[in-house]
Amino acid sequence: MKTSFYELEAETLQGNKVKMSDYEGKAILVVNTATKCGLAPQFDGLETLYQTYKDKDFVVLGFPSNQFANQEPGNAKNIEETCRINFGVTFPMFAKIDVNGSNTHPIFKYLKSQLGGIFGSRIKWNFTKFFIDKNGKPVKRFAPTTKPEKIESFLKNQL
């Protein structure tokens, strides 16, 4: 397994490879998302955080996953359109991935190994959030039900 977040990479919804080292020096919130989830209104709060703090070296990285109740059934084009049109998402969104099981994406393998949760390292549901500080160290894991607004005071202290 990779030993640093910055050694990892992922593919965007448009099919471009992105190295996480591109985000070096930024505070990062990694979120597994699903557009058909009851928690999908969190996209609005995530976008607000991104817009408010992006000039202070903060970024939200969204990773769609269809592993929870088939709540992200669409293809990359559907996901991108839904995120942009329904939720106004402008933060980076990546290709659909697995966050649990044998095909877990390396980014989520790494984050889960660094920050376990209530159910061990397993992701419980959509909108689990991982905060990575400006040095690339995973520092905090937030539950799916933790709304982005509730993260803001923590975020301010980290920036």
N, C-alpha and C. Protein backbone atom coordinates (compact mmCIF):
# COMPACT_ATOMS: atom_id res chain seq x y z
N MET A 1 0.84 -1.19 0.00
CA MET A 1 0.00 0.00 0.00
C MET A 1 0.88 1.25 0.00
N LYS A 2 0.41 2.27 -0.67
CA LYS A 2 1.13 3.55 -0.71
C LYS A 2 1.23 4.10 0.71
N THR A 3 2.28 4.86 0.96
CA THR A 3 2.50 5.37 2.31
C THR A 3 2.14 6.84 2.45
N SER A 4 1.75 7.46 1.36
CA SER A 4 1.41 8.87 1.40
C SER A 4 0.21 9.14 0.50
N PHE A 5 -0.67 10.01 0.93
CA PHE A 5 -1.82 10.40 0.13
C PHE A 5 -1.36 10.95 -1.22
N TYR A 6 -0.27 11.69 -1.19
CA TYR A 6 0.23 12.34 -2.41
C TYR A 6 0.77 11.36 -3.45
N GLU A 7 0.99 10.11 -3.09
CA GLU A 7 1.47 9.10 -4.05
C GLU A 7 0.31 8.50 -4.86
N LEU A 8 -0.92 8.79 -4.45
CA LEU A 8 -2.10 8.18 -5.07
C LEU A 8 -2.60 9.01 -6.25
N GLU A 9 -3.43 8.40 -7.08
CA GLU A 9 -4.05 9.12 -8.18
C GLU A 9 -5.46 8.58 -8.41
N ALA A 10 -6.23 9.35 -9.15
CA ALA A 10 -7.61 8.95 -9.47
C ALA A 10 -7.97 9.53 -10.83
N GLU A 11 -9.04 9.00 -11.39
CA GLU A 11 -9.52 9.45 -12.69
C GLU A 11 -10.73 10.35 -12.48
N THR A 12 -10.76 11.47 -13.20
CA THR A 12 -11.90 12.38 -13.12
C THR A 12 -13.09 11.81 -13.88
N LEU A 13 -14.24 12.44 -13.73
CA LEU A 13 -15.43 12.04 -14.48
C LEU A 13 -15.21 12.18 -15.99
N GLN A 14 -14.27 13.04 -16.36
CA GLN A 14 -13.97 13.24 -17.78
C GLN A 14 -12.91 12.26 -18.28
N GLY A 15 -12.41 11.39 -17.40
CA GLY A 15 -11.44 10.38 -17.81
C GLY A 15 -9.98 10.79 -17.71
N ASN A 16 -9.69 11.92 -17.07
CA ASN A 16 -8.31 12.37 -16.91
C ASN A 16 -7.72 11.85 -15.61
N LYS A 17 -6.47 11.40 -15.65
CA LYS A 17 -5.77 10.95 -14.45
C LYS A 17 -5.28 12.18 -13.68
N VAL A 18 -5.50 12.18 -12.37
CA VAL A 18 -5.05 13.28 -11.52
C VAL A 18 -4.24 12.69 -10.37
N LYS A 19 -3.06 13.24 -10.17
CA LYS A 19 -2.23 12.83 -9.04
C LYS A 19 -2.66 13.64 -7.82
N MET A 20 -2.77 12.97 -6.69
CA MET A 20 -3.14 13.68 -5.48
C MET A 20 -2.06 14.68 -5.07
N SER A 21 -0.84 14.49 -5.58
CA SER A 21 0.23 15.46 -5.31
C SER A 21 -0.09 16.83 -5.92
N ASP A 22 -1.05 16.86 -6.87
CA ASP A 22 -1.50 18.15 -7.42
C ASP A 22 -2.14 19.01 -6.34
N TYR A 23 -2.58 18.37 -5.26
CA TYR A 23 -3.26 19.10 -4.17
C TYR A 23 -2.34 19.34 -2.98
N GLU A 24 -1.06 19.08 -3.16
CA GLU A 24 -0.10 19.27 -2.08
C GLU A 24 -0.17 20.71 -1.58
N GLY A 25 -0.14 20.88 -0.25
CA GLY A 25 -0.21 22.21 0.35
C GLY A 25 -1.63 22.70 0.58
N LYS A 26 -2.62 21.90 0.19
CA LYS A 26 -4.02 22.26 0.41
C LYS A 26 -4.62 21.37 1.49
N ALA A 27 -5.59 21.91 2.21
CA ALA A 27 -6.42 21.09 3.10
C ALA A 27 -7.46 20.45 2.18
N ILE A 28 -7.73 19.16 2.40
CA ILE A 28 -8.58 18.40 1.48
C ILE A 28 -9.69 17.69 2.24
N LEU A 29 -10.89 17.74 1.71
CA LEU A 29 -12.00 16.95 2.24
C LEU A 29 -12.39 15.96 1.14
N VAL A 30 -12.12 14.67 1.39
CA VAL A 30 -12.46 13.60 0.46
C VAL A 30 -13.82 13.05 0.89
N VAL A 31 -14.76 12.95 -0.06
CA VAL A 31 -16.12 12.52 0.25
C VAL A 31 -16.58 11.48 -0.76
N ASN A 32 -17.14 10.35 -0.27
CA ASN A 32 -17.79 9.42 -1.20
C ASN A 32 -19.24 9.89 -1.35
N THR A 33 -19.66 10.06 -2.60
CA THR A 33 -20.94 10.70 -2.89
C THR A 33 -21.90 9.78 -3.64
N ALA A 34 -23.16 10.19 -3.68
CA ALA A 34 -24.19 9.50 -4.47
C ALA A 34 -25.32 10.50 -4.72
N THR A 35 -25.63 10.73 -5.98
CA THR A 35 -26.61 11.76 -6.34
C THR A 35 -28.05 11.39 -5.99
N LYS A 36 -28.34 10.09 -5.82
CA LYS A 36 -29.72 9.66 -5.51
C LYS A 36 -29.90 9.35 -4.02
N CYS A 37 -28.92 9.67 -3.23
CA CYS A 37 -28.96 9.39 -1.79
C CYS A 37 -29.78 10.47 -1.08
N GLY A 38 -30.42 10.08 0.02
CA GLY A 38 -31.15 11.05 0.84
C GLY A 38 -30.24 12.11 1.43
N LEU A 39 -28.92 11.83 1.47
CA LEU A 39 -27.96 12.80 1.99
C LEU A 39 -27.41 13.70 0.88
N ALA A 40 -27.87 13.51 -0.36
CA ALA A 40 -27.38 14.30 -1.50
C ALA A 40 -27.49 15.82 -1.31
N PRO A 41 -28.45 16.33 -0.53
CA PRO A 41 -28.45 17.78 -0.29
C PRO A 41 -27.14 18.28 0.34
N GLN A 42 -26.32 17.36 0.86
CA GLN A 42 -25.02 17.77 1.38
C GLN A 42 -24.11 18.33 0.28
N PHE A 43 -24.40 18.01 -0.98
CA PHE A 43 -23.63 18.60 -2.07
C PHE A 43 -23.64 20.12 -1.95
N ASP A 44 -24.81 20.68 -1.59
CA ASP A 44 -24.93 22.14 -1.44
C ASP A 44 -23.97 22.66 -0.37
N GLY A 45 -23.95 22.00 0.78
CA GLY A 45 -23.06 22.42 1.87
C GLY A 45 -21.60 22.23 1.53
N LEU A 46 -21.28 21.15 0.82
CA LEU A 46 -19.90 20.90 0.40
C LEU A 46 -19.44 21.99 -0.57
N GLU A 47 -20.32 22.35 -1.50
CA GLU A 47 -20.01 23.41 -2.46
C GLU A 47 -19.81 24.74 -1.75
N THR A 48 -20.64 25.02 -0.74
CA THR A 48 -20.50 26.26 0.03
C THR A 48 -19.15 26.29 0.73
N LEU A 49 -18.76 25.19 1.37
CA LEU A 49 -17.44 25.13 2.01
C LEU A 49 -16.34 25.37 0.99
N TYR A 50 -16.46 24.71 -0.15
CA TYR A 50 -15.44 24.84 -1.20
C TYR A 50 -15.34 26.30 -1.66
N GLN A 51 -16.47 26.92 -1.96
CA GLN A 51 -16.46 28.31 -2.44
C GLN A 51 -15.92 29.27 -1.39
N THR A 52 -16.27 29.01 -0.12
CA THR A 52 -15.86 29.90 0.96
C THR A 52 -14.37 29.82 1.24
N TYR A 53 -13.79 28.63 1.14
CA TYR A 53 -12.40 28.43 1.59
C TYR A 53 -11.41 28.05 0.49
N LYS A 54 -11.84 27.96 -0.76
CA LYS A 54 -10.90 27.53 -1.80
C LYS A 54 -9.73 28.51 -1.95
N ASP A 55 -9.94 29.79 -1.66
CA ASP A 55 -8.85 30.76 -1.74
C ASP A 55 -7.91 30.68 -0.53
N LYS A 56 -8.28 29.84 0.43
CA LYS A 56 -7.42 29.61 1.60
C LYS A 56 -6.80 28.22 1.51
N ASP A 57 -6.60 27.76 0.28
CA ASP A 57 -5.97 26.45 0.03
C ASP A 57 -6.76 25.28 0.58
N PHE A 58 -8.04 25.24 0.23
CA PHE A 58 -8.92 24.14 0.61
C PHE A 58 -9.61 23.61 -0.64
N VAL A 59 -9.78 22.28 -0.69
CA VAL A 59 -10.49 21.68 -1.82
C VAL A 59 -11.33 20.50 -1.34
N VAL A 60 -12.47 20.32 -1.97
CA VAL A 60 -13.32 19.15 -1.75
C VAL A 60 -13.10 18.24 -2.94
N LEU A 61 -12.92 16.94 -2.69
CA LEU A 61 -12.78 15.96 -3.77
C LEU A 61 -13.91 14.95 -3.63
N GLY A 62 -14.79 14.88 -4.63
CA GLY A 62 -15.94 13.98 -4.59
C GLY A 62 -15.67 12.69 -5.36
N PHE A 63 -16.02 11.57 -4.73
CA PHE A 63 -15.83 10.24 -5.32
C PHE A 63 -17.16 9.49 -5.32
N PRO A 64 -17.90 9.51 -6.43
CA PRO A 64 -19.17 8.78 -6.50
C PRO A 64 -18.97 7.28 -6.28
N SER A 65 -19.92 6.68 -5.59
CA SER A 65 -19.90 5.23 -5.37
C SER A 65 -21.34 4.71 -5.42
N ASN A 66 -21.49 3.54 -6.01
CA ASN A 66 -22.82 2.94 -6.13
C ASN A 66 -22.97 1.76 -5.18
N GLN A 67 -22.18 1.72 -4.12
CA GLN A 67 -22.17 0.55 -3.24
C GLN A 67 -23.24 0.56 -2.16
N PHE A 68 -23.99 1.62 -2.06
CA PHE A 68 -24.99 1.70 -0.99
C PHE A 68 -26.37 1.89 -1.61
N ALA A 69 -27.15 0.82 -1.62
CA ALA A 69 -28.55 0.83 -2.09
C ALA A 69 -28.71 1.36 -3.52
N ASN A 70 -27.69 1.14 -4.35
CA ASN A 70 -27.77 1.51 -5.77
C ASN A 70 -28.14 2.99 -5.94
N GLN A 71 -27.52 3.86 -5.14
CA GLN A 71 -27.88 5.28 -5.15
C GLN A 71 -27.02 6.13 -6.08
N GLU A 72 -26.13 5.47 -6.84
CA GLU A 72 -25.36 6.18 -7.86
C GLU A 72 -25.29 5.30 -9.11
N PRO A 73 -26.47 5.04 -9.73
CA PRO A 73 -26.51 4.11 -10.86
C PRO A 73 -26.01 4.68 -12.19
N GLY A 74 -25.93 6.01 -12.29
CA GLY A 74 -25.61 6.65 -13.56
C GLY A 74 -24.17 6.47 -14.02
N ASN A 75 -23.95 6.86 -15.29
CA ASN A 75 -22.59 6.86 -15.82
C ASN A 75 -21.95 8.22 -15.52
N ALA A 76 -20.71 8.39 -15.94
CA ALA A 76 -19.96 9.62 -15.64
C ALA A 76 -20.70 10.87 -16.11
N LYS A 77 -21.28 10.81 -17.32
CA LYS A 77 -21.99 11.97 -17.87
C LYS A 77 -23.22 12.31 -17.01
N ASN A 78 -24.00 11.29 -16.62
CA ASN A 78 -25.18 11.52 -15.76
C ASN A 78 -24.76 12.13 -14.42
N ILE A 79 -23.72 11.57 -13.83
CA ILE A 79 -23.25 12.05 -12.52
C ILE A 79 -22.82 13.51 -12.63
N GLU A 80 -22.01 13.80 -13.64
CA GLU A 80 -21.51 15.16 -13.82
C GLU A 80 -22.66 16.15 -14.00
N GLU A 81 -23.63 15.81 -14.86
CA GLU A 81 -24.77 16.69 -15.11
C GLU A 81 -25.61 16.89 -13.86
N THR A 82 -25.88 15.80 -13.13
CA THR A 82 -26.69 15.91 -11.90
C THR A 82 -25.98 16.77 -10.87
N CYS A 83 -24.69 16.55 -10.70
CA CYS A 83 -23.93 17.34 -9.71
C CYS A 83 -23.92 18.82 -10.08
N ARG A 84 -23.72 19.11 -11.36
CA ARG A 84 -23.62 20.50 -11.79
C ARG A 84 -25.00 21.17 -11.81
N ILE A 85 -25.98 20.52 -12.42
CA ILE A 85 -27.30 21.15 -12.60
C ILE A 85 -28.11 21.17 -11.32
N ASN A 86 -28.19 20.04 -10.62
CA ASN A 86 -29.04 19.98 -9.42
C ASN A 86 -28.38 20.59 -8.19
N PHE A 87 -27.05 20.52 -8.11
CA PHE A 87 -26.38 20.95 -6.88
C PHE A 87 -25.34 22.05 -7.09
N GLY A 88 -25.10 22.46 -8.32
CA GLY A 88 -24.15 23.53 -8.58
C GLY A 88 -22.71 23.19 -8.24
N VAL A 89 -22.36 21.92 -8.29
CA VAL A 89 -21.03 21.47 -7.89
C VAL A 89 -19.96 21.97 -8.86
N THR A 90 -18.93 22.63 -8.31
CA THR A 90 -17.78 23.06 -9.11
C THR A 90 -16.48 22.42 -8.60
N PHE A 91 -16.53 21.78 -7.43
CA PHE A 91 -15.31 21.13 -6.92
C PHE A 91 -15.03 19.87 -7.72
N PRO A 92 -13.79 19.38 -7.71
CA PRO A 92 -13.44 18.21 -8.52
C PRO A 92 -14.25 16.96 -8.16
N MET A 93 -14.77 16.32 -9.20
CA MET A 93 -15.50 15.06 -9.04
C MET A 93 -14.76 13.99 -9.84
N PHE A 94 -14.65 12.83 -9.25
CA PHE A 94 -13.89 11.74 -9.85
C PHE A 94 -14.81 10.64 -10.36
N ALA A 95 -14.22 9.70 -11.11
CA ALA A 95 -14.97 8.58 -11.66
C ALA A 95 -15.53 7.72 -10.53
N LYS A 96 -16.63 7.05 -10.83
CA LYS A 96 -17.30 6.18 -9.85
C LYS A 96 -16.34 5.07 -9.42
N ILE A 97 -16.30 4.82 -8.10
CA ILE A 97 -15.38 3.84 -7.52
C ILE A 97 -16.07 2.99 -6.47
N ASP A 98 -15.37 1.96 -6.00
CA ASP A 98 -15.78 1.19 -4.82
C ASP A 98 -15.03 1.72 -3.62
N VAL A 99 -15.73 1.84 -2.50
CA VAL A 99 -15.09 2.31 -1.26
C VAL A 99 -14.95 1.19 -0.24
N ASN A 100 -15.57 0.06 -0.50
CA ASN A 100 -15.48 -1.14 0.35
C ASN A 100 -15.26 -2.35 -0.56
N GLY A 101 -14.79 -3.44 0.04
CA GLY A 101 -14.67 -4.70 -0.69
C GLY A 101 -13.34 -4.86 -1.41
N SER A 102 -13.28 -5.93 -2.21
CA SER A 102 -12.02 -6.29 -2.85
C SER A 102 -11.57 -5.31 -3.93
N ASN A 103 -12.50 -4.51 -4.46
CA ASN A 103 -12.13 -3.52 -5.49
C ASN A 103 -12.06 -2.09 -4.95
N THR A 104 -11.87 -1.96 -3.64
CA THR A 104 -11.78 -0.63 -3.04
C THR A 104 -10.70 0.19 -3.73
N HIS A 105 -11.03 1.40 -4.08
CA HIS A 105 -10.07 2.31 -4.72
C HIS A 105 -8.91 2.57 -3.75
N PRO A 106 -7.69 2.65 -4.26
CA PRO A 106 -6.52 2.88 -3.40
C PRO A 106 -6.62 4.10 -2.48
N ILE A 107 -7.28 5.16 -2.92
CA ILE A 107 -7.43 6.34 -2.05
C ILE A 107 -8.24 5.97 -0.81
N PHE A 108 -9.31 5.21 -0.99
CA PHE A 108 -10.14 4.83 0.16
C PHE A 108 -9.48 3.74 1.00
N LYS A 109 -8.72 2.85 0.37
CA LYS A 109 -7.94 1.87 1.14
C LYS A 109 -7.00 2.62 2.08
N TYR A 110 -6.30 3.60 1.52
CA TYR A 110 -5.34 4.38 2.31
C TYR A 110 -6.05 5.14 3.44
N LEU A 111 -7.11 5.88 3.11
CA LEU A 111 -7.79 6.69 4.12
C LEU A 111 -8.39 5.84 5.23
N LYS A 112 -8.98 4.71 4.86
CA LYS A 112 -9.57 3.81 5.87
C LYS A 112 -8.49 3.21 6.76
N SER A 113 -7.31 2.95 6.20
CA SER A 113 -6.22 2.39 7.01
C SER A 113 -5.70 3.43 8.00
N GLN A 114 -5.82 4.70 7.65
CA GLN A 114 -5.33 5.78 8.51
C GLN A 114 -6.36 6.21 9.56
N LEU A 115 -7.61 6.18 9.18
CA LEU A 115 -8.69 6.66 10.06
C LEU A 115 -9.84 5.66 10.05
N GLY A 116 -9.88 4.79 11.04
CA GLY A 116 -10.98 3.83 11.16
C GLY A 116 -12.26 4.55 11.55
N GLY A 117 -13.34 3.84 11.55
CA GLY A 117 -14.62 4.44 11.93
C GLY A 117 -15.31 3.56 12.95
N ILE A 118 -16.57 3.83 13.20
CA ILE A 118 -17.37 3.08 14.16
C ILE A 118 -17.40 1.60 13.80
N PHE A 119 -17.43 1.30 12.49
CA PHE A 119 -17.49 -0.08 12.03
C PHE A 119 -16.10 -0.55 11.58
N GLY A 120 -15.08 -0.17 12.33
CA GLY A 120 -13.72 -0.48 11.90
C GLY A 120 -13.38 0.45 10.75
N SER A 121 -12.69 -0.07 9.76
CA SER A 121 -12.30 0.82 8.67
C SER A 121 -13.37 0.92 7.58
N ARG A 122 -14.38 0.06 7.64
CA ARG A 122 -15.41 0.01 6.61
C ARG A 122 -16.17 1.34 6.49
N ILE A 123 -16.49 1.71 5.25
CA ILE A 123 -17.33 2.89 5.01
C ILE A 123 -18.78 2.45 5.24
N LYS A 124 -19.48 3.22 6.08
CA LYS A 124 -20.83 2.85 6.48
C LYS A 124 -21.87 3.26 5.43
N TRP A 125 -21.70 4.43 4.80
CA TRP A 125 -22.72 4.93 3.89
C TRP A 125 -22.13 6.05 3.04
N ASN A 126 -22.93 6.54 2.10
CA ASN A 126 -22.54 7.68 1.27
C ASN A 126 -22.26 8.90 2.15
N PHE A 127 -21.41 9.75 1.68
CA PHE A 127 -21.07 11.02 2.32
C PHE A 127 -20.23 10.86 3.59
N THR A 128 -19.47 9.77 3.67
CA THR A 128 -18.42 9.69 4.69
C THR A 128 -17.34 10.66 4.23
N LYS A 129 -16.79 11.43 5.16
CA LYS A 129 -15.84 12.48 4.80
C LYS A 129 -14.52 12.28 5.54
N PHE A 130 -13.42 12.48 4.82
CA PHE A 130 -12.07 12.39 5.40
C PHE A 130 -11.38 13.73 5.21
N PHE A 131 -10.88 14.28 6.31
CA PHE A 131 -10.14 15.55 6.22
C PHE A 131 -8.65 15.27 6.25
N ILE A 132 -7.95 15.82 5.27
CA ILE A 132 -6.50 15.68 5.15
C ILE A 132 -5.90 17.07 5.30
N ASP A 133 -4.93 17.21 6.21
CA ASP A 133 -4.36 18.54 6.44
C ASP A 133 -3.43 18.95 5.30
N LYS A 134 -2.90 20.18 5.40
CA LYS A 134 -2.08 20.75 4.33
C LYS A 134 -0.75 20.02 4.15
N ASN A 135 -0.40 19.14 5.10
CA ASN A 135 0.82 18.34 4.98
C ASN A 135 0.53 16.95 4.42
N GLY A 136 -0.73 16.69 4.06
CA GLY A 136 -1.10 15.41 3.48
C GLY A 136 -1.42 14.34 4.50
N LYS A 137 -1.60 14.74 5.76
CA LYS A 137 -1.88 13.77 6.82
C LYS A 137 -3.39 13.68 7.05
N PRO A 138 -3.97 12.48 6.93
CA PRO A 138 -5.39 12.32 7.27
C PRO A 138 -5.57 12.56 8.77
N VAL A 139 -6.43 13.52 9.12
CA VAL A 139 -6.58 13.89 10.53
C VAL A 139 -7.92 13.54 11.15
N LYS A 140 -8.99 13.58 10.35
CA LYS A 140 -10.30 13.35 10.94
C LYS A 140 -11.24 12.73 9.92
N ARG A 141 -12.08 11.85 10.46
CA ARG A 141 -13.12 11.20 9.65
C ARG A 141 -14.47 11.66 10.20
N PHE A 142 -15.36 12.05 9.29
CA PHE A 142 -16.69 12.51 9.68
C PHE A 142 -17.73 11.52 9.18
N ALA A 143 -18.74 11.29 9.98
CA ALA A 143 -19.81 10.35 9.65
C ALA A 143 -20.64 10.88 8.48
N PRO A 144 -21.32 9.99 7.77
CA PRO A 144 -22.18 10.41 6.65
C PRO A 144 -23.22 11.45 7.06
N THR A 145 -23.73 11.34 8.27
CA THR A 145 -24.78 12.26 8.71
C THR A 145 -24.24 13.61 9.20
N THR A 146 -22.92 13.74 9.30
CA THR A 146 -22.34 15.03 9.70
C THR A 146 -22.44 15.98 8.52
N LYS A 147 -23.27 17.00 8.69
CA LYS A 147 -23.50 17.96 7.62
C LYS A 147 -22.26 18.85 7.44
N PRO A 148 -22.00 19.28 6.21
CA PRO A 148 -20.85 20.14 5.96
C PRO A 148 -20.80 21.39 6.86
N GLU A 149 -21.95 21.95 7.18
CA GLU A 149 -21.99 23.14 8.05
C GLU A 149 -21.36 22.84 9.41
N LYS A 150 -21.52 21.61 9.88
CA LYS A 150 -20.98 21.21 11.19
C LYS A 150 -19.46 21.03 11.13
N ILE A 151 -18.91 20.92 9.94
CA ILE A 151 -17.47 20.74 9.75
C ILE A 151 -16.75 22.08 9.70
N GLU A 152 -17.50 23.15 9.42
CA GLU A 152 -16.89 24.44 9.16
C GLU A 152 -16.00 24.95 10.28
N SER A 153 -16.41 24.85 11.54
CA SER A 153 -15.56 25.36 12.63
C SER A 153 -14.26 24.56 12.72
N PHE A 154 -14.34 23.23 12.52
CA PHE A 154 -13.13 22.41 12.49
C PHE A 154 -12.23 22.86 11.34
N LEU A 155 -12.84 23.07 10.19
CA LEU A 155 -12.09 23.49 9.00
C LEU A 155 -11.37 24.81 9.24
N LYS A 156 -12.08 25.79 9.79
CA LYS A 156 -11.48 27.10 10.06
C LYS A 156 -10.25 26.97 10.94
N ASN A 157 -10.32 26.10 11.96
CA ASN A 157 -9.17 25.90 12.86
C ASN A 157 -7.99 25.25 12.15
N GLN A 158 -8.27 24.47 11.11
CA GLN A 158 -7.21 23.78 10.37
C GLN A 158 -6.52 24.68 9.35
N LEU A 159 -7.25 25.70 8.89
CA LEU A 159 -6.70 26.59 7.86
C LEU A 159 -5.92 27.70 8.53
